[in-house]
Amino acid sequence: MKHCCRLGILMTVALAAPAYANVRVKVDTVPADYAPIDAPTFRESVSVSGYHFEVNEETVRARLVVDYTYPDQMTFGPDDDAGGPRPTVVQLPELTYDPAAHAVVYDSNGTKAVCATVHVGRSPFGRRLDVRNTGACTVSTILANHAEDDGWSIHRSRALDTYLVVR
């Protein structure tokens, strides 16, 4: 009898608590591996090294920048004319700069989150913006198999699907 009451109370609390689901927005697909220019047969897996947000005060726009790396980038990087895996730079309509709040905001379908705060500062070179991630918006990747049909053949490859995840 005690277990039934506890279960009933637990279910009531669980149903009363709001369910917060993460919003996941695909922002890019990048190759899963990278070959430095001076070692084209030497392929290494690609991963996210970091991400940040940028703002344009004049246009009140914000964008996401995702940087990628590979395990031996410190070794090959200085001699790699290609500069390593290319970053993802993406503007999403749901991602804006709110100058009154000094924040990068994601707002879509009832999900609103402050992805970054913006601090205005001064440097010897003039005015500068310091944009800091809040942790409410993160980046994740999934290793996926892709198939592209060129009208004649199907080309298969492995790639990293990159997502913006909003809590």
N, C-alpha and C. Protein backbone atom coordinates (compact mmCIF):
# COMPACT_ATOMS: atom_id res chain seq x y z
N MET A 1 0.83 -1.19 0.00
CA MET A 1 0.00 0.00 0.00
C MET A 1 0.88 1.26 0.00
N LYS A 2 1.94 1.24 0.80
CA LYS A 2 2.83 2.41 0.85
C LYS A 2 3.46 2.69 -0.50
N HIS A 3 3.82 1.62 -1.24
CA HIS A 3 4.46 1.80 -2.54
C HIS A 3 3.51 2.42 -3.54
N CYS A 4 2.23 2.07 -3.47
CA CYS A 4 1.23 2.65 -4.38
C CYS A 4 1.11 4.14 -4.15
N CYS A 5 1.07 4.56 -2.88
CA CYS A 5 0.97 5.98 -2.57
C CYS A 5 2.20 6.74 -3.03
N ARG A 6 3.37 6.17 -2.77
CA ARG A 6 4.61 6.82 -3.20
C ARG A 6 4.66 6.95 -4.72
N LEU A 7 4.26 5.88 -5.40
CA LEU A 7 4.26 5.90 -6.86
C LEU A 7 3.28 6.95 -7.37
N GLY A 8 2.13 7.04 -6.74
CA GLY A 8 1.13 8.03 -7.14
C GLY A 8 1.63 9.45 -6.95
N ILE A 9 2.27 9.70 -5.82
CA ILE A 9 2.82 11.03 -5.55
C ILE A 9 3.94 11.34 -6.52
N LEU A 10 4.80 10.37 -6.78
CA LEU A 10 5.91 10.55 -7.71
C LEU A 10 5.41 10.87 -9.11
N MET A 11 4.38 10.16 -9.55
CA MET A 11 3.81 10.41 -10.89
C MET A 11 3.17 11.79 -10.96
N THR A 12 2.50 12.22 -9.88
CA THR A 12 1.88 13.54 -9.85
C THR A 12 2.95 14.62 -9.95
N VAL A 13 4.02 14.48 -9.21
CA VAL A 13 5.12 15.45 -9.27
C VAL A 13 5.75 15.46 -10.65
N ALA A 14 5.96 14.29 -11.24
CA ALA A 14 6.58 14.20 -12.56
C ALA A 14 5.70 14.85 -13.62
N LEU A 15 4.39 14.67 -13.51
CA LEU A 15 3.48 15.27 -14.49
C LEU A 15 3.35 16.77 -14.28
N ALA A 16 3.47 17.23 -13.04
CA ALA A 16 3.34 18.65 -12.74
C ALA A 16 4.60 19.42 -13.14
N ALA A 17 5.74 18.77 -13.14
CA ALA A 17 7.00 19.44 -13.49
C ALA A 17 7.03 19.70 -14.99
N PRO A 18 7.43 20.89 -15.41
CA PRO A 18 7.49 21.17 -16.84
C PRO A 18 8.57 20.32 -17.50
N ALA A 19 8.30 19.91 -18.71
CA ALA A 19 9.27 19.11 -19.47
C ALA A 19 10.07 20.04 -20.37
N TYR A 20 11.35 20.13 -20.13
CA TYR A 20 12.21 20.97 -20.94
C TYR A 20 13.00 20.08 -21.89
N ALA A 21 12.74 20.27 -23.15
CA ALA A 21 13.46 19.48 -24.15
C ALA A 21 14.46 20.39 -24.85
N ASN A 22 15.59 19.87 -25.14
CA ASN A 22 16.58 20.63 -25.89
C ASN A 22 16.12 20.78 -27.33
N VAL A 23 16.40 21.93 -27.89
CA VAL A 23 16.16 22.17 -29.31
C VAL A 23 17.48 21.94 -30.01
N ARG A 24 17.46 21.17 -31.08
CA ARG A 24 18.69 20.87 -31.82
C ARG A 24 18.51 21.31 -33.26
N VAL A 25 19.38 22.22 -33.72
CA VAL A 25 19.31 22.78 -35.06
C VAL A 25 20.58 22.40 -35.82
N LYS A 26 20.41 21.71 -36.94
CA LYS A 26 21.59 21.34 -37.74
C LYS A 26 22.15 22.59 -38.42
N VAL A 27 23.46 22.81 -38.25
CA VAL A 27 24.09 24.00 -38.81
C VAL A 27 25.07 23.69 -39.94
N ASP A 28 25.57 22.44 -40.00
CA ASP A 28 26.54 22.12 -41.05
C ASP A 28 26.84 20.63 -41.08
N THR A 29 27.40 20.20 -42.18
CA THR A 29 27.97 18.86 -42.33
C THR A 29 29.39 19.05 -42.83
N VAL A 30 30.36 18.52 -42.10
CA VAL A 30 31.77 18.67 -42.47
C VAL A 30 32.40 17.29 -42.63
N PRO A 31 33.46 17.18 -43.42
CA PRO A 31 34.13 15.87 -43.56
C PRO A 31 34.58 15.32 -42.21
N ALA A 32 34.46 14.02 -42.05
CA ALA A 32 34.80 13.37 -40.79
C ALA A 32 36.29 13.23 -40.59
N ASP A 33 37.06 13.37 -41.67
CA ASP A 33 38.51 13.29 -41.52
C ASP A 33 39.19 14.36 -42.35
N TYR A 34 40.44 14.58 -42.05
CA TYR A 34 41.21 15.65 -42.68
C TYR A 34 42.61 15.15 -42.98
N ALA A 35 43.12 15.56 -44.14
CA ALA A 35 44.50 15.23 -44.53
C ALA A 35 45.28 16.53 -44.68
N PRO A 36 46.31 16.73 -43.88
CA PRO A 36 47.14 17.93 -44.03
C PRO A 36 47.75 17.99 -45.43
N ILE A 37 47.95 19.18 -45.93
CA ILE A 37 48.42 19.38 -47.31
C ILE A 37 49.76 18.71 -47.57
N ASP A 38 50.65 18.67 -46.55
CA ASP A 38 51.97 18.07 -46.75
C ASP A 38 51.98 16.57 -46.47
N ALA A 39 50.83 16.00 -46.07
CA ALA A 39 50.73 14.55 -45.83
C ALA A 39 49.35 14.07 -46.30
N PRO A 40 49.08 14.15 -47.64
CA PRO A 40 47.74 13.87 -48.15
C PRO A 40 47.23 12.45 -47.90
N THR A 41 48.13 11.50 -47.67
CA THR A 41 47.67 10.13 -47.42
C THR A 41 47.45 9.87 -45.93
N PHE A 42 47.81 10.84 -45.11
CA PHE A 42 47.68 10.73 -43.67
C PHE A 42 46.37 11.41 -43.25
N ARG A 43 45.32 10.63 -43.02
CA ARG A 43 44.01 11.18 -42.68
C ARG A 43 43.73 10.99 -41.20
N GLU A 44 43.21 12.04 -40.57
CA GLU A 44 42.89 11.99 -39.14
C GLU A 44 41.45 12.45 -38.91
N SER A 45 40.87 11.97 -37.83
CA SER A 45 39.48 12.31 -37.52
C SER A 45 39.36 13.77 -37.07
N VAL A 46 38.26 14.36 -37.45
CA VAL A 46 37.98 15.76 -37.14
C VAL A 46 37.04 15.82 -35.93
N SER A 47 37.27 16.81 -35.08
CA SER A 47 36.39 17.04 -33.94
C SER A 47 36.25 18.55 -33.72
N VAL A 48 35.29 18.95 -32.91
CA VAL A 48 35.09 20.36 -32.59
C VAL A 48 36.14 20.78 -31.56
N SER A 49 36.83 21.88 -31.85
CA SER A 49 37.80 22.40 -30.88
C SER A 49 37.20 23.53 -30.04
N GLY A 50 36.15 24.13 -30.54
CA GLY A 50 35.50 25.21 -29.80
C GLY A 50 34.47 25.91 -30.65
N TYR A 51 33.72 26.78 -30.01
CA TYR A 51 32.72 27.57 -30.72
C TYR A 51 32.53 28.89 -30.00
N HIS A 52 32.04 29.87 -30.74
CA HIS A 52 31.72 31.17 -30.15
C HIS A 52 30.69 31.88 -31.01
N PHE A 53 30.16 32.95 -30.46
CA PHE A 53 29.19 33.75 -31.18
C PHE A 53 29.83 35.09 -31.52
N GLU A 54 29.43 35.65 -32.65
CA GLU A 54 29.89 36.97 -33.07
C GLU A 54 28.67 37.85 -33.28
N VAL A 55 28.84 39.15 -33.06
CA VAL A 55 27.73 40.07 -33.26
C VAL A 55 28.14 41.21 -34.18
N ASN A 56 27.14 41.74 -34.89
CA ASN A 56 27.32 42.92 -35.71
C ASN A 56 26.35 43.96 -35.14
N GLU A 57 26.89 44.96 -34.46
CA GLU A 57 26.05 45.96 -33.81
C GLU A 57 25.22 46.76 -34.82
N GLU A 58 25.81 47.07 -35.95
CA GLU A 58 25.12 47.89 -36.95
C GLU A 58 23.88 47.20 -37.52
N THR A 59 24.00 45.92 -37.80
CA THR A 59 22.88 45.19 -38.41
C THR A 59 22.04 44.43 -37.38
N VAL A 60 22.47 44.43 -36.12
CA VAL A 60 21.82 43.72 -35.02
C VAL A 60 21.71 42.22 -35.35
N ARG A 61 22.78 41.69 -35.90
CA ARG A 61 22.83 40.28 -36.26
C ARG A 61 23.84 39.54 -35.41
N ALA A 62 23.61 38.24 -35.32
CA ALA A 62 24.54 37.37 -34.60
C ALA A 62 24.80 36.14 -35.45
N ARG A 63 25.96 35.54 -35.24
CA ARG A 63 26.26 34.30 -35.95
C ARG A 63 27.07 33.39 -35.05
N LEU A 64 27.06 32.11 -35.44
CA LEU A 64 27.77 31.07 -34.71
C LEU A 64 29.01 30.68 -35.51
N VAL A 65 30.13 30.55 -34.82
CA VAL A 65 31.37 30.10 -35.44
C VAL A 65 31.83 28.84 -34.70
N VAL A 66 31.99 27.75 -35.46
CA VAL A 66 32.44 26.48 -34.89
C VAL A 66 33.82 26.17 -35.47
N ASP A 67 34.80 25.95 -34.61
CA ASP A 67 36.16 25.61 -35.04
C ASP A 67 36.39 24.12 -34.88
N TYR A 68 37.13 23.55 -35.83
CA TYR A 68 37.42 22.11 -35.83
C TYR A 68 38.92 21.88 -35.73
N THR A 69 39.28 20.70 -35.29
CA THR A 69 40.68 20.33 -35.17
C THR A 69 40.84 18.86 -35.51
N TYR A 70 42.08 18.39 -35.53
CA TYR A 70 42.38 16.96 -35.68
C TYR A 70 43.55 16.65 -34.75
N PRO A 71 43.74 15.39 -34.37
CA PRO A 71 44.71 15.05 -33.32
C PRO A 71 46.12 15.61 -33.50
N ASP A 72 46.66 15.59 -34.72
CA ASP A 72 48.04 16.05 -34.92
C ASP A 72 48.12 17.45 -35.51
N GLN A 73 47.13 18.28 -35.24
CA GLN A 73 47.14 19.63 -35.81
C GLN A 73 48.32 20.45 -35.26
N MET A 74 48.72 20.20 -34.03
CA MET A 74 49.88 20.92 -33.48
C MET A 74 51.15 20.56 -34.25
N THR A 75 51.24 19.33 -34.73
CA THR A 75 52.42 18.87 -35.47
C THR A 75 52.40 19.38 -36.90
N PHE A 76 51.27 19.19 -37.60
CA PHE A 76 51.20 19.55 -39.01
C PHE A 76 50.77 20.99 -39.25
N GLY A 77 50.07 21.58 -38.27
CA GLY A 77 49.48 22.90 -38.44
C GLY A 77 50.37 23.98 -39.01
N PRO A 78 51.58 24.19 -38.45
CA PRO A 78 52.42 25.28 -38.96
C PRO A 78 52.82 25.12 -40.43
N ASP A 79 52.88 23.87 -40.92
CA ASP A 79 53.29 23.65 -42.31
C ASP A 79 52.11 23.36 -43.23
N ASP A 80 50.91 23.36 -42.71
CA ASP A 80 49.72 23.03 -43.49
C ASP A 80 49.16 24.29 -44.13
N ASP A 81 49.41 24.46 -45.44
CA ASP A 81 48.94 25.65 -46.15
C ASP A 81 47.42 25.77 -46.15
N ALA A 82 46.70 24.65 -46.02
CA ALA A 82 45.23 24.69 -45.99
C ALA A 82 44.73 25.20 -44.64
N GLY A 83 45.57 25.17 -43.62
CA GLY A 83 45.20 25.71 -42.32
C GLY A 83 44.30 24.84 -41.47
N GLY A 84 44.17 23.59 -41.84
CA GLY A 84 43.31 22.69 -41.06
C GLY A 84 41.88 22.70 -41.55
N PRO A 85 41.02 21.98 -40.88
CA PRO A 85 39.61 21.95 -41.28
C PRO A 85 39.00 23.34 -41.21
N ARG A 86 38.20 23.66 -42.20
CA ARG A 86 37.57 24.98 -42.27
C ARG A 86 36.50 25.12 -41.19
N PRO A 87 36.41 26.30 -40.57
CA PRO A 87 35.37 26.51 -39.56
C PRO A 87 33.99 26.64 -40.20
N THR A 88 32.98 26.40 -39.41
CA THR A 88 31.60 26.65 -39.82
C THR A 88 31.24 28.05 -39.32
N VAL A 89 30.76 28.89 -40.21
CA VAL A 89 30.28 30.22 -39.86
C VAL A 89 28.86 30.30 -40.38
N VAL A 90 27.89 30.42 -39.46
CA VAL A 90 26.50 30.35 -39.87
C VAL A 90 25.64 31.38 -39.15
N GLN A 91 24.75 32.01 -39.94
CA GLN A 91 23.75 32.90 -39.39
C GLN A 91 22.42 32.15 -39.42
N LEU A 92 21.74 32.11 -38.29
CA LEU A 92 20.43 31.49 -38.21
C LEU A 92 19.40 32.59 -37.98
N PRO A 93 18.24 32.51 -38.63
CA PRO A 93 17.22 33.55 -38.41
C PRO A 93 16.77 33.64 -36.95
N GLU A 94 16.86 32.53 -36.23
CA GLU A 94 16.42 32.50 -34.83
C GLU A 94 17.46 33.10 -33.88
N LEU A 95 18.64 33.37 -34.36
CA LEU A 95 19.74 33.86 -33.54
C LEU A 95 19.94 35.35 -33.83
N THR A 96 19.75 36.19 -32.81
CA THR A 96 19.86 37.63 -33.01
C THR A 96 20.69 38.26 -31.90
N TYR A 97 21.09 39.50 -32.15
CA TYR A 97 21.78 40.29 -31.14
C TYR A 97 20.77 41.28 -30.57
N ASP A 98 20.58 41.26 -29.27
CA ASP A 98 19.69 42.19 -28.59
C ASP A 98 20.56 43.24 -27.91
N PRO A 99 20.70 44.44 -28.52
CA PRO A 99 21.60 45.44 -27.96
C PRO A 99 21.14 45.98 -26.60
N ALA A 100 19.84 46.03 -26.36
CA ALA A 100 19.34 46.52 -25.07
C ALA A 100 19.73 45.57 -23.94
N ALA A 101 19.69 44.27 -24.21
CA ALA A 101 20.04 43.27 -23.20
C ALA A 101 21.52 42.90 -23.24
N HIS A 102 22.23 43.40 -24.25
CA HIS A 102 23.64 43.05 -24.46
C HIS A 102 23.78 41.53 -24.50
N ALA A 103 23.00 40.90 -25.40
CA ALA A 103 22.97 39.44 -25.43
C ALA A 103 22.72 38.90 -26.83
N VAL A 104 23.27 37.72 -27.08
CA VAL A 104 22.94 36.94 -28.27
C VAL A 104 21.81 36.02 -27.84
N VAL A 105 20.67 36.12 -28.54
CA VAL A 105 19.46 35.41 -28.12
C VAL A 105 19.00 34.46 -29.21
N TYR A 106 18.64 33.24 -28.79
CA TYR A 106 17.98 32.28 -29.68
C TYR A 106 16.50 32.32 -29.32
N ASP A 107 15.63 32.55 -30.32
CA ASP A 107 14.20 32.65 -30.07
C ASP A 107 13.44 32.00 -31.22
N SER A 108 12.79 30.86 -30.93
CA SER A 108 12.03 30.15 -31.95
C SER A 108 11.01 29.22 -31.32
N ASN A 109 9.78 29.30 -31.81
CA ASN A 109 8.71 28.38 -31.40
C ASN A 109 8.60 28.20 -29.88
N GLY A 110 8.65 29.28 -29.14
CA GLY A 110 8.50 29.20 -27.69
C GLY A 110 9.78 28.90 -26.94
N THR A 111 10.86 28.63 -27.64
CA THR A 111 12.15 28.40 -26.98
C THR A 111 12.96 29.68 -27.07
N LYS A 112 13.30 30.23 -25.92
CA LYS A 112 14.10 31.45 -25.89
C LYS A 112 15.24 31.24 -24.91
N ALA A 113 16.45 31.53 -25.36
CA ALA A 113 17.63 31.34 -24.51
C ALA A 113 18.66 32.42 -24.83
N VAL A 114 19.38 32.83 -23.80
CA VAL A 114 20.51 33.75 -23.98
C VAL A 114 21.74 32.88 -24.21
N CYS A 115 22.24 32.90 -25.43
CA CYS A 115 23.39 32.07 -25.81
C CYS A 115 24.72 32.69 -25.38
N ALA A 116 24.76 34.03 -25.38
CA ALA A 116 26.00 34.72 -25.03
C ALA A 116 25.68 36.10 -24.50
N THR A 117 26.56 36.59 -23.65
CA THR A 117 26.45 37.97 -23.18
C THR A 117 27.50 38.80 -23.89
N VAL A 118 27.18 40.07 -24.09
CA VAL A 118 28.07 40.97 -24.82
C VAL A 118 28.48 42.11 -23.90
N HIS A 119 29.77 42.26 -23.69
CA HIS A 119 30.31 43.33 -22.85
C HIS A 119 31.07 44.29 -23.75
N VAL A 120 30.75 45.57 -23.62
CA VAL A 120 31.42 46.60 -24.41
C VAL A 120 32.61 47.10 -23.61
N GLY A 121 33.76 47.12 -24.25
CA GLY A 121 34.98 47.56 -23.57
C GLY A 121 35.80 48.47 -24.46
N ARG A 122 36.88 48.91 -23.93
CA ARG A 122 37.82 49.77 -24.66
C ARG A 122 39.17 49.08 -24.72
N SER A 123 39.85 49.29 -25.82
CA SER A 123 41.21 48.79 -25.98
C SER A 123 42.03 49.92 -26.58
N PRO A 124 43.34 49.75 -26.66
CA PRO A 124 44.16 50.80 -27.28
C PRO A 124 43.74 51.07 -28.74
N PHE A 125 43.03 50.12 -29.34
CA PHE A 125 42.63 50.27 -30.74
C PHE A 125 41.20 50.78 -30.88
N GLY A 126 40.55 51.12 -29.77
CA GLY A 126 39.19 51.65 -29.81
C GLY A 126 38.20 50.76 -29.08
N ARG A 127 36.96 50.91 -29.45
CA ARG A 127 35.87 50.16 -28.83
C ARG A 127 35.94 48.69 -29.24
N ARG A 128 35.63 47.79 -28.27
CA ARG A 128 35.66 46.37 -28.62
C ARG A 128 34.56 45.65 -27.86
N LEU A 129 34.07 44.58 -28.48
CA LEU A 129 33.02 43.77 -27.87
C LEU A 129 33.61 42.46 -27.38
N ASP A 130 33.25 42.08 -26.17
CA ASP A 130 33.67 40.81 -25.60
C ASP A 130 32.41 39.94 -25.50
N VAL A 131 32.34 38.92 -26.35
CA VAL A 131 31.16 38.05 -26.41
C VAL A 131 31.50 36.76 -25.68
N ARG A 132 30.72 36.44 -24.64
CA ARG A 132 31.01 35.26 -23.81
C ARG A 132 29.82 34.29 -23.84
N ASN A 133 30.11 33.03 -24.12
CA ASN A 133 29.08 31.99 -24.12
C ASN A 133 28.50 31.85 -22.71
N THR A 134 27.18 31.59 -22.64
CA THR A 134 26.53 31.39 -21.34
C THR A 134 26.40 29.92 -20.98
N GLY A 135 26.49 29.03 -21.97
CA GLY A 135 26.30 27.61 -21.73
C GLY A 135 24.88 27.16 -22.03
N ALA A 136 23.97 28.10 -22.27
CA ALA A 136 22.58 27.74 -22.61
C ALA A 136 22.49 27.20 -24.04
N CYS A 137 23.45 27.54 -24.85
CA CYS A 137 23.50 27.08 -26.24
C CYS A 137 24.87 26.44 -26.45
N THR A 138 24.88 25.20 -26.85
CA THR A 138 26.13 24.48 -27.04
C THR A 138 26.17 23.90 -28.44
N VAL A 139 27.30 23.31 -28.79
CA VAL A 139 27.48 22.68 -30.09
C VAL A 139 27.77 21.21 -29.88
N SER A 140 27.12 20.37 -30.69
CA SER A 140 27.39 18.94 -30.64
C SER A 140 27.54 18.41 -32.07
N THR A 141 28.16 17.25 -32.18
CA THR A 141 28.32 16.61 -33.49
C THR A 141 27.90 15.16 -33.41
N ILE A 142 27.51 14.64 -34.56
CA ILE A 142 27.18 13.23 -34.70
C ILE A 142 27.91 12.72 -35.93
N LEU A 143 28.64 11.62 -35.78
CA LEU A 143 29.30 10.98 -36.91
C LEU A 143 28.22 10.24 -37.69
N ALA A 144 28.06 10.58 -38.97
CA ALA A 144 26.96 10.03 -39.76
C ALA A 144 27.45 9.53 -41.11
N ASN A 145 26.75 8.56 -41.64
CA ASN A 145 27.00 8.07 -43.00
C ASN A 145 26.09 8.85 -43.94
N HIS A 146 26.69 9.42 -44.99
CA HIS A 146 25.94 10.19 -45.97
C HIS A 146 26.02 9.52 -47.33
N ALA A 147 24.98 9.71 -48.12
CA ALA A 147 24.95 9.20 -49.49
C ALA A 147 24.45 10.32 -50.39
N GLU A 148 25.22 10.58 -51.45
CA GLU A 148 24.85 11.64 -52.39
C GLU A 148 24.67 11.01 -53.76
N ASP A 149 23.52 11.23 -54.35
CA ASP A 149 23.19 10.70 -55.67
C ASP A 149 23.46 11.80 -56.69
N ASP A 150 24.41 11.57 -57.60
CA ASP A 150 24.75 12.58 -58.61
C ASP A 150 23.94 12.40 -59.90
N GLY A 151 22.95 11.53 -59.85
CA GLY A 151 22.14 11.28 -61.04
C GLY A 151 22.56 10.01 -61.75
N TRP A 152 23.72 9.53 -61.44
CA TRP A 152 24.23 8.30 -62.04
C TRP A 152 24.69 7.31 -60.97
N SER A 153 25.51 7.82 -60.06
CA SER A 153 26.07 6.97 -59.01
C SER A 153 25.72 7.52 -57.64
N ILE A 154 25.84 6.66 -56.68
CA ILE A 154 25.66 7.08 -55.29
C ILE A 154 27.04 7.10 -54.63
N HIS A 155 27.39 8.25 -54.09
CA HIS A 155 28.70 8.42 -53.43
C HIS A 155 28.47 8.43 -51.93
N ARG A 156 29.13 7.52 -51.24
CA ARG A 156 28.97 7.38 -49.80
C ARG A 156 30.19 7.97 -49.08
N SER A 157 29.91 8.60 -47.95
CA SER A 157 30.99 9.18 -47.14
C SER A 157 30.54 9.28 -45.69
N ARG A 158 31.54 9.44 -44.82
CA ARG A 158 31.27 9.67 -43.41
C ARG A 158 31.54 11.14 -43.14
N ALA A 159 30.69 11.74 -42.35
CA ALA A 159 30.82 13.17 -42.07
C ALA A 159 30.34 13.47 -40.65
N LEU A 160 30.72 14.64 -40.17
CA LEU A 160 30.23 15.13 -38.89
C LEU A 160 29.06 16.07 -39.15
N ASP A 161 27.92 15.72 -38.63
CA ASP A 161 26.78 16.64 -38.67
C ASP A 161 26.90 17.49 -37.41
N THR A 162 26.92 18.81 -37.60
CA THR A 162 27.13 19.74 -36.51
C THR A 162 25.81 20.42 -36.16
N TYR A 163 25.51 20.48 -34.85
CA TYR A 163 24.25 21.02 -34.37
C TYR A 163 24.46 22.09 -33.31
N LEU A 164 23.56 23.08 -33.33
CA LEU A 164 23.44 24.02 -32.22
C LEU A 164 22.37 23.44 -31.30
N VAL A 165 22.71 23.24 -30.03
CA VAL A 165 21.77 22.67 -29.06
C VAL A 165 21.41 23.76 -28.07
N VAL A 166 20.10 24.04 -27.97
CA VAL A 166 19.60 25.10 -27.10
C VAL A 166 18.81 24.46 -25.97
N ARG A 167 19.15 24.81 -24.74
CA ARG A 167 18.42 24.27 -23.57
C ARG A 167 17.24 25.13 -23.25
